[in-house]
N, C-alpha and C. Protein backbone atom coordinates (compact mmCIF):
# COMPACT_ATOMS: atom_id res chain seq x y z
N MET A 1 97.82 85.22 82.30
CA MET A 1 97.71 86.41 83.16
C MET A 1 98.94 87.37 82.85
N LYS A 2 98.56 88.72 82.80
CA LYS A 2 99.47 89.83 82.65
C LYS A 2 99.37 90.53 83.92
N ILE A 3 100.37 90.66 84.71
CA ILE A 3 100.29 91.43 86.10
C ILE A 3 101.44 92.49 85.97
N ILE A 4 100.93 93.74 86.33
CA ILE A 4 102.06 94.72 86.62
C ILE A 4 102.20 94.78 88.19
N ILE A 5 103.35 94.62 88.72
CA ILE A 5 103.77 94.54 90.13
C ILE A 5 104.56 95.81 90.48
N GLN A 6 103.85 96.62 91.08
CA GLN A 6 104.41 98.02 91.56
C GLN A 6 104.61 98.09 93.12
N ARG A 7 105.88 98.28 93.33
CA ARG A 7 106.20 98.41 94.89
C ARG A 7 105.86 99.83 95.19
N VAL A 8 104.96 99.90 96.23
CA VAL A 8 104.58 101.31 96.81
C VAL A 8 104.80 101.41 98.30
N SER A 9 104.81 102.71 98.59
CA SER A 9 104.85 103.06 100.10
C SER A 9 103.35 103.11 100.53
N GLN A 10 102.46 103.54 99.68
CA GLN A 10 101.16 103.58 99.96
C GLN A 10 100.28 103.51 98.72
N ALA A 11 99.02 102.95 98.74
CA ALA A 11 98.34 103.06 97.53
C ALA A 11 96.70 102.96 97.95
N SER A 12 95.89 103.43 96.93
CA SER A 12 94.51 103.39 97.36
C SER A 12 93.70 103.29 96.08
N VAL A 13 92.36 102.84 96.17
CA VAL A 13 91.63 102.66 94.93
C VAL A 13 90.15 103.36 95.50
N SER A 14 89.49 104.23 94.57
CA SER A 14 88.31 104.91 94.83
C SER A 14 87.39 104.62 93.86
N ILE A 15 86.17 104.57 94.14
CA ILE A 15 85.03 104.36 93.08
C ILE A 15 84.11 105.60 93.55
N GLU A 16 83.74 106.46 92.60
CA GLU A 16 82.78 107.59 92.87
C GLU A 16 83.29 108.31 94.19
N GLU A 17 84.47 108.54 94.33
CA GLU A 17 85.03 109.37 95.26
C GLU A 17 85.16 108.67 96.79
N GLU A 18 84.70 107.47 96.78
CA GLU A 18 84.73 106.69 98.15
C GLU A 18 85.97 105.60 98.00
N ILE A 19 86.84 105.69 98.94
CA ILE A 19 87.92 104.81 98.98
C ILE A 19 87.40 103.34 99.31
N VAL A 20 87.79 102.37 98.33
CA VAL A 20 87.24 101.05 98.59
C VAL A 20 88.24 100.19 99.11
N GLY A 21 89.61 100.49 98.92
CA GLY A 21 90.74 99.64 99.32
C GLY A 21 91.87 100.53 99.35
N GLU A 22 92.76 100.25 100.48
CA GLU A 22 93.97 101.05 100.68
C GLU A 22 94.94 100.14 101.53
N ILE A 23 96.26 100.40 101.09
CA ILE A 23 97.36 99.76 101.80
C ILE A 23 98.45 100.84 102.09
N GLY A 24 99.36 100.49 103.01
CA GLY A 24 100.65 101.07 103.36
C GLY A 24 101.61 100.40 102.45
N GLN A 25 102.74 100.04 103.03
CA GLN A 25 103.90 99.66 102.35
C GLN A 25 103.43 98.26 101.72
N GLY A 26 103.78 97.89 100.47
CA GLY A 26 103.43 96.68 99.90
C GLY A 26 103.47 96.73 98.39
N ILE A 27 102.53 96.06 97.77
CA ILE A 27 102.57 95.92 96.32
C ILE A 27 101.19 96.29 95.76
N LEU A 28 101.24 97.15 94.78
CA LEU A 28 100.08 97.52 94.02
C LEU A 28 100.03 96.48 92.68
N LEU A 29 99.07 95.70 92.36
CA LEU A 29 98.93 94.72 91.35
C LEU A 29 97.79 95.30 90.33
N LEU A 30 98.23 95.40 89.09
CA LEU A 30 97.18 95.62 87.92
C LEU A 30 97.26 94.19 87.34
N VAL A 31 96.08 93.58 87.42
CA VAL A 31 95.88 92.20 87.03
C VAL A 31 94.87 91.96 85.78
N GLY A 32 95.52 91.53 84.54
CA GLY A 32 94.87 91.36 83.46
C GLY A 32 94.70 89.70 83.23
N ILE A 33 93.56 89.26 82.90
CA ILE A 33 93.32 87.85 82.72
C ILE A 33 92.94 87.63 81.48
N GLY A 34 93.53 86.49 80.70
CA GLY A 34 93.33 85.97 79.46
C GLY A 34 92.36 85.06 79.36
N PRO A 35 91.87 84.67 78.12
CA PRO A 35 90.76 83.48 78.03
C PRO A 35 91.41 82.22 78.27
N GLU A 36 92.63 82.18 78.00
CA GLU A 36 93.51 80.81 78.17
C GLU A 36 93.97 80.54 79.53
N ASP A 37 93.89 81.63 80.42
CA ASP A 37 94.42 81.31 81.75
C ASP A 37 93.70 80.34 82.53
N GLY A 38 94.44 79.51 83.28
CA GLY A 38 93.88 78.46 84.16
C GLY A 38 94.57 78.39 85.57
N GLN A 39 94.32 77.43 86.15
CA GLN A 39 94.94 77.11 87.60
C GLN A 39 96.25 77.26 87.58
N SER A 40 97.00 76.70 86.58
CA SER A 40 98.58 76.77 86.59
C SER A 40 99.01 78.24 86.56
N ASP A 41 98.25 79.05 85.84
CA ASP A 41 98.51 80.43 85.76
C ASP A 41 98.47 81.16 87.06
N LEU A 42 97.30 80.92 87.71
CA LEU A 42 97.01 81.53 88.97
C LEU A 42 98.01 80.99 90.02
N ASP A 43 98.29 79.76 90.18
CA ASP A 43 99.36 79.18 91.09
C ASP A 43 100.60 79.93 90.91
N TYR A 44 101.23 79.88 89.65
CA TYR A 44 102.41 80.48 89.31
C TYR A 44 102.48 81.94 89.76
N ALA A 45 101.52 82.69 89.46
CA ALA A 45 101.49 84.24 89.74
C ALA A 45 101.38 84.51 91.24
N VAL A 46 100.56 83.57 91.85
CA VAL A 46 100.61 83.80 93.37
C VAL A 46 101.91 83.46 94.02
N ARG A 47 102.48 82.46 93.51
CA ARG A 47 103.79 81.99 94.11
C ARG A 47 104.87 83.26 93.78
N LYS A 48 104.90 83.68 92.61
CA LYS A 48 105.89 84.60 92.23
C LYS A 48 105.65 85.85 93.19
N ILE A 49 104.33 86.36 93.16
CA ILE A 49 104.04 87.55 93.89
C ILE A 49 104.44 87.45 95.26
N LEU A 50 104.20 86.37 96.02
CA LEU A 50 104.29 86.27 97.43
C LEU A 50 105.88 86.11 97.66
N ASN A 51 106.75 85.59 96.74
CA ASN A 51 108.08 85.36 96.90
C ASN A 51 109.05 86.26 96.24
N ILE A 52 108.48 87.12 95.29
CA ILE A 52 109.53 87.94 94.55
C ILE A 52 110.16 88.97 95.55
N ARG A 53 111.43 88.96 95.55
CA ARG A 53 112.34 89.78 96.46
C ARG A 53 112.46 91.20 95.91
N ILE A 54 111.78 92.10 96.15
CA ILE A 54 111.75 93.47 95.57
C ILE A 54 111.90 94.46 96.67
N PHE A 55 111.93 94.10 97.98
CA PHE A 55 112.05 94.99 98.97
C PHE A 55 113.46 95.08 99.56
N SER A 56 113.93 96.13 99.93
CA SER A 56 115.31 96.31 100.52
C SER A 56 115.50 95.78 101.75
N ASP A 57 116.65 95.07 101.87
CA ASP A 57 117.08 94.53 103.27
C ASP A 57 117.91 95.67 104.03
N GLU A 58 118.63 95.36 105.02
CA GLU A 58 119.25 96.33 105.85
C GLU A 58 120.49 97.02 105.13
N ASN A 59 120.82 96.15 104.13
CA ASN A 59 121.94 96.69 103.19
C ASN A 59 121.50 97.49 101.86
N GLY A 60 120.36 97.75 101.79
CA GLY A 60 119.87 98.34 100.59
C GLY A 60 119.53 97.52 99.35
N LYS A 61 119.88 96.26 99.56
CA LYS A 61 119.76 95.28 98.32
C LYS A 61 118.15 94.70 98.42
N MET A 62 117.66 94.66 97.16
CA MET A 62 116.35 94.08 96.99
C MET A 62 116.41 92.59 97.30
N ASN A 63 116.10 92.16 98.62
CA ASN A 63 116.40 90.83 98.94
C ASN A 63 115.22 90.42 99.84
N LEU A 64 114.20 91.15 99.93
CA LEU A 64 113.04 90.75 100.86
C LEU A 64 111.72 90.76 100.06
N SER A 65 110.79 89.77 100.55
CA SER A 65 109.57 89.58 99.84
C SER A 65 108.41 90.36 100.56
N ILE A 66 107.22 90.24 99.98
CA ILE A 66 106.07 90.94 100.72
C ILE A 66 105.84 90.33 102.07
N GLN A 67 106.10 89.03 102.05
CA GLN A 67 105.99 88.27 103.35
C GLN A 67 106.91 88.78 104.40
N ASP A 68 108.20 88.92 103.92
CA ASP A 68 109.35 89.24 104.91
C ASP A 68 108.98 90.58 105.56
N ILE A 69 108.41 91.63 104.76
CA ILE A 69 108.27 92.74 105.31
C ILE A 69 106.91 93.03 106.13
N GLY A 70 106.05 91.99 106.01
CA GLY A 70 104.69 92.16 106.67
C GLY A 70 103.82 93.09 105.87
N GLY A 71 104.11 93.17 104.49
CA GLY A 71 103.29 94.19 103.59
C GLY A 71 101.98 93.71 103.35
N SER A 72 101.29 94.45 102.56
CA SER A 72 100.03 94.33 101.99
C SER A 72 99.97 94.40 100.50
N ILE A 73 98.90 93.98 99.85
CA ILE A 73 98.58 93.94 98.45
C ILE A 73 97.32 94.66 98.18
N LEU A 74 97.51 95.61 97.12
CA LEU A 74 96.28 96.06 96.53
C LEU A 74 96.24 95.68 95.15
N SER A 75 95.11 94.99 94.97
CA SER A 75 94.82 94.17 93.65
C SER A 75 93.82 94.96 92.88
N ILE A 76 94.06 95.46 91.72
CA ILE A 76 93.18 96.05 90.68
C ILE A 76 92.96 95.21 89.47
N SER A 77 91.68 95.00 89.00
CA SER A 77 91.46 94.18 87.75
C SER A 77 91.92 95.18 86.62
N GLN A 78 92.36 94.69 85.52
CA GLN A 78 92.90 95.62 84.49
C GLN A 78 92.99 94.88 83.09
N PHE A 79 91.89 94.79 82.57
CA PHE A 79 91.64 94.04 81.27
C PHE A 79 92.42 94.83 80.16
N THR A 80 92.88 96.06 80.32
CA THR A 80 93.45 96.90 79.30
C THR A 80 94.89 96.26 79.28
N LEU A 81 95.51 95.60 80.01
CA LEU A 81 96.75 94.90 79.83
C LEU A 81 96.73 94.03 78.53
N PHE A 82 95.66 93.53 78.08
CA PHE A 82 95.35 92.83 76.97
C PHE A 82 95.19 93.67 75.60
N ALA A 83 95.44 94.91 75.67
CA ALA A 83 95.10 95.75 74.62
C ALA A 83 96.07 95.38 73.37
N ASP A 84 95.27 95.28 72.15
CA ASP A 84 96.10 95.16 70.99
C ASP A 84 96.03 96.46 70.31
N THR A 85 97.37 96.90 70.11
CA THR A 85 97.41 98.28 69.53
C THR A 85 98.07 98.31 67.99
N LYS A 86 98.11 97.06 67.54
CA LYS A 86 98.98 97.05 66.31
C LYS A 86 98.10 97.66 64.99
N LYS A 87 96.73 97.68 65.10
CA LYS A 87 95.95 98.28 63.90
C LYS A 87 95.33 99.52 64.26
N GLY A 88 95.50 100.65 63.67
CA GLY A 88 94.79 101.86 63.95
C GLY A 88 95.26 102.51 65.38
N ASN A 89 94.38 103.45 65.85
CA ASN A 89 94.72 104.17 67.01
C ASN A 89 93.82 103.74 68.20
N ARG A 90 92.86 102.89 68.00
CA ARG A 90 91.92 102.65 69.02
C ARG A 90 92.39 101.22 69.50
N PRO A 91 92.72 101.02 70.73
CA PRO A 91 93.14 99.69 71.21
C PRO A 91 91.95 98.71 71.13
N ALA A 92 92.25 97.53 70.81
CA ALA A 92 91.20 96.39 70.85
C ALA A 92 91.55 95.63 72.08
N PHE A 93 90.44 95.17 72.77
CA PHE A 93 90.57 94.30 73.96
C PHE A 93 90.11 92.82 73.83
N THR A 94 90.07 92.41 72.53
CA THR A 94 89.53 91.10 72.33
C THR A 94 90.47 90.03 72.93
N GLY A 95 91.57 90.28 73.28
CA GLY A 95 92.49 89.23 73.91
C GLY A 95 92.21 89.09 75.22
N ALA A 96 91.40 89.96 75.94
CA ALA A 96 91.10 89.73 77.38
C ALA A 96 90.05 88.74 77.57
N ALA A 97 90.06 88.02 78.82
CA ALA A 97 89.00 87.06 79.09
C ALA A 97 87.50 87.73 79.17
N LYS A 98 86.65 87.04 78.88
CA LYS A 98 85.12 87.58 79.03
C LYS A 98 84.95 87.72 80.45
N PRO A 99 84.21 88.89 80.72
CA PRO A 99 83.91 89.28 82.28
C PRO A 99 83.62 88.16 83.13
N GLU A 100 82.61 87.25 82.61
CA GLU A 100 82.28 86.17 83.59
C GLU A 100 83.26 85.24 84.15
N MET A 101 84.25 84.85 83.11
CA MET A 101 85.20 84.01 83.57
C MET A 101 86.40 84.89 84.30
N ALA A 102 86.79 86.17 83.80
CA ALA A 102 87.70 87.08 84.46
C ALA A 102 87.24 87.34 85.99
N SER A 103 86.07 87.59 86.14
CA SER A 103 85.62 88.00 87.48
C SER A 103 85.85 86.96 88.51
N GLN A 104 85.59 85.74 88.14
CA GLN A 104 85.67 84.52 89.19
C GLN A 104 87.18 84.28 89.27
N PHE A 105 87.84 84.26 88.29
CA PHE A 105 89.34 83.98 88.17
C PHE A 105 89.97 85.18 89.12
N TYR A 106 89.57 86.41 88.93
CA TYR A 106 90.27 87.44 89.78
C TYR A 106 89.95 87.19 91.31
N ASP A 107 88.57 86.77 91.66
CA ASP A 107 88.27 86.48 92.94
C ASP A 107 89.10 85.43 93.43
N ASP A 108 89.30 84.45 92.79
CA ASP A 108 90.06 83.23 93.24
C ASP A 108 91.66 83.67 93.35
N PHE A 109 92.09 84.39 92.55
CA PHE A 109 93.46 84.91 92.64
C PHE A 109 93.69 85.76 93.96
N ASN A 110 92.69 86.63 94.12
CA ASN A 110 92.75 87.50 95.38
C ASN A 110 92.71 86.65 96.60
N ALA A 111 91.74 85.58 96.58
CA ALA A 111 91.55 84.75 97.62
C ALA A 111 92.86 83.98 98.08
N ALA A 112 93.42 83.48 96.94
CA ALA A 112 94.83 82.81 97.21
C ALA A 112 95.84 83.60 97.81
N LEU A 113 96.04 84.76 97.22
CA LEU A 113 96.97 85.69 97.86
C LEU A 113 96.63 86.14 99.44
N GLY A 114 95.26 86.15 99.58
CA GLY A 114 94.92 86.57 101.06
C GLY A 114 94.97 85.55 102.06
N GLN A 115 95.27 84.28 101.63
CA GLN A 115 95.48 83.27 102.47
C GLN A 115 96.94 83.56 103.29
N VAL A 116 97.73 84.33 102.53
CA VAL A 116 99.16 84.57 102.96
C VAL A 116 99.29 85.95 103.59
N VAL A 117 98.81 86.93 102.73
CA VAL A 117 99.04 88.43 103.08
C VAL A 117 97.79 89.12 103.05
N PRO A 118 97.62 90.28 103.73
CA PRO A 118 96.49 91.04 103.55
C PRO A 118 96.30 91.63 102.27
N VAL A 119 95.03 91.52 101.63
CA VAL A 119 94.82 91.90 100.30
C VAL A 119 93.37 92.80 100.23
N ALA A 120 93.86 94.20 99.73
CA ALA A 120 92.75 95.12 99.49
C ALA A 120 92.52 95.14 98.09
N ARG A 121 91.35 95.51 97.58
CA ARG A 121 91.00 95.29 96.05
C ARG A 121 90.11 96.35 95.68
N GLY A 122 90.11 96.46 94.25
CA GLY A 122 89.18 97.30 93.77
C GLY A 122 87.86 96.48 93.46
N ARG A 123 87.19 97.01 92.52
CA ARG A 123 85.73 96.32 92.18
C ARG A 123 85.75 95.93 90.67
N PHE A 124 85.73 94.71 90.38
CA PHE A 124 85.89 94.24 89.04
C PHE A 124 84.75 94.89 88.21
N GLY A 125 85.44 95.50 87.06
CA GLY A 125 84.59 96.10 86.16
C GLY A 125 84.02 97.56 86.34
N ALA A 126 84.59 98.07 87.63
CA ALA A 126 83.99 99.50 87.95
C ALA A 126 85.03 100.43 87.45
N ASP A 127 84.71 101.78 87.24
CA ASP A 127 85.52 102.81 86.95
C ASP A 127 86.29 103.25 88.27
N MET A 128 87.47 103.02 88.34
CA MET A 128 88.26 103.22 89.55
C MET A 128 89.25 104.23 89.31
N GLN A 129 89.63 104.98 90.36
CA GLN A 129 90.80 105.94 90.40
C GLN A 129 91.74 105.24 91.36
N VAL A 130 92.92 105.04 90.86
CA VAL A 130 94.04 104.50 91.61
C VAL A 130 94.99 105.54 91.96
N SER A 131 95.38 105.75 93.30
CA SER A 131 96.34 106.55 93.67
C SER A 131 97.66 105.75 94.34
N LEU A 132 98.84 106.15 94.25
CA LEU A 132 99.95 105.49 94.67
C LEU A 132 101.06 106.39 94.84
N ILE A 133 101.96 105.94 95.78
CA ILE A 133 103.30 106.64 95.95
C ILE A 133 104.32 105.38 95.70
N ASN A 134 105.03 105.58 94.55
CA ASN A 134 105.92 104.69 94.31
C ASN A 134 106.94 104.48 95.31
N ASP A 135 107.57 103.30 95.63
CA ASP A 135 108.58 103.09 96.46
C ASP A 135 109.75 102.64 95.54
N GLY A 136 110.66 103.58 95.14
CA GLY A 136 111.79 103.19 94.28
C GLY A 136 112.01 103.94 93.18
N PRO A 137 111.35 103.94 92.11
CA PRO A 137 110.19 103.10 91.75
C PRO A 137 110.77 101.89 91.29
N VAL A 138 109.87 100.78 91.61
CA VAL A 138 110.19 99.39 91.15
C VAL A 138 108.78 98.82 90.73
N THR A 139 108.93 98.73 89.27
CA THR A 139 107.78 98.11 88.48
C THR A 139 108.27 97.02 87.69
N ILE A 140 107.47 95.87 87.77
CA ILE A 140 107.98 94.55 87.09
C ILE A 140 106.48 94.14 86.39
N ILE A 141 106.89 93.47 85.23
CA ILE A 141 105.87 92.96 84.48
C ILE A 141 105.92 91.45 84.61
N LEU A 142 104.87 90.85 85.00
CA LEU A 142 104.74 89.25 85.14
C LEU A 142 103.75 88.82 84.07
N ASP A 143 104.21 88.00 83.23
CA ASP A 143 103.31 87.33 82.12
C ASP A 143 103.35 85.79 82.43
N THR A 144 102.30 85.19 82.72
CA THR A 144 102.43 83.80 83.01
C THR A 144 102.67 82.94 81.75
N LYS A 145 102.40 83.46 80.62
CA LYS A 145 102.54 82.77 79.37
C LYS A 145 104.04 82.82 78.84
N GLN A 146 104.84 83.73 79.45
CA GLN A 146 106.24 83.98 78.87
C GLN A 146 106.97 82.73 79.41
N PRO A 147 108.01 82.33 78.53
CA PRO A 147 108.82 81.24 79.02
C PRO A 147 109.87 81.74 80.19
């Protein structure tokens, strides 16, 4: 899995000018799923996202997690995180999981997060417009395949 973790003060996702998901303070996730991803990747990503300390405490130090602040998550599927740009000028997306596998994996990922914090989401495979207000900005890349 490749996931962009963005700390936000608010974020929303729209499809055909209709808001389908929105949050206040929390985390915007752009979630890419690869063909080799399995349960251990899902478990690792969920654990990291729920416990990563990227929110400021009373001293202004990033020391609080999404759970600590009572925040929410907006999760957006993003196969383009697997873009291969080495050859030519048009990215290839052959490194991303096939839609059938990725869709179920994305659902399972969001369900696992949703057992702990509120999760809003986009629609898998849809043309979405994402709006956000950065909080920080704080942007972190999580790759479950990196050592």
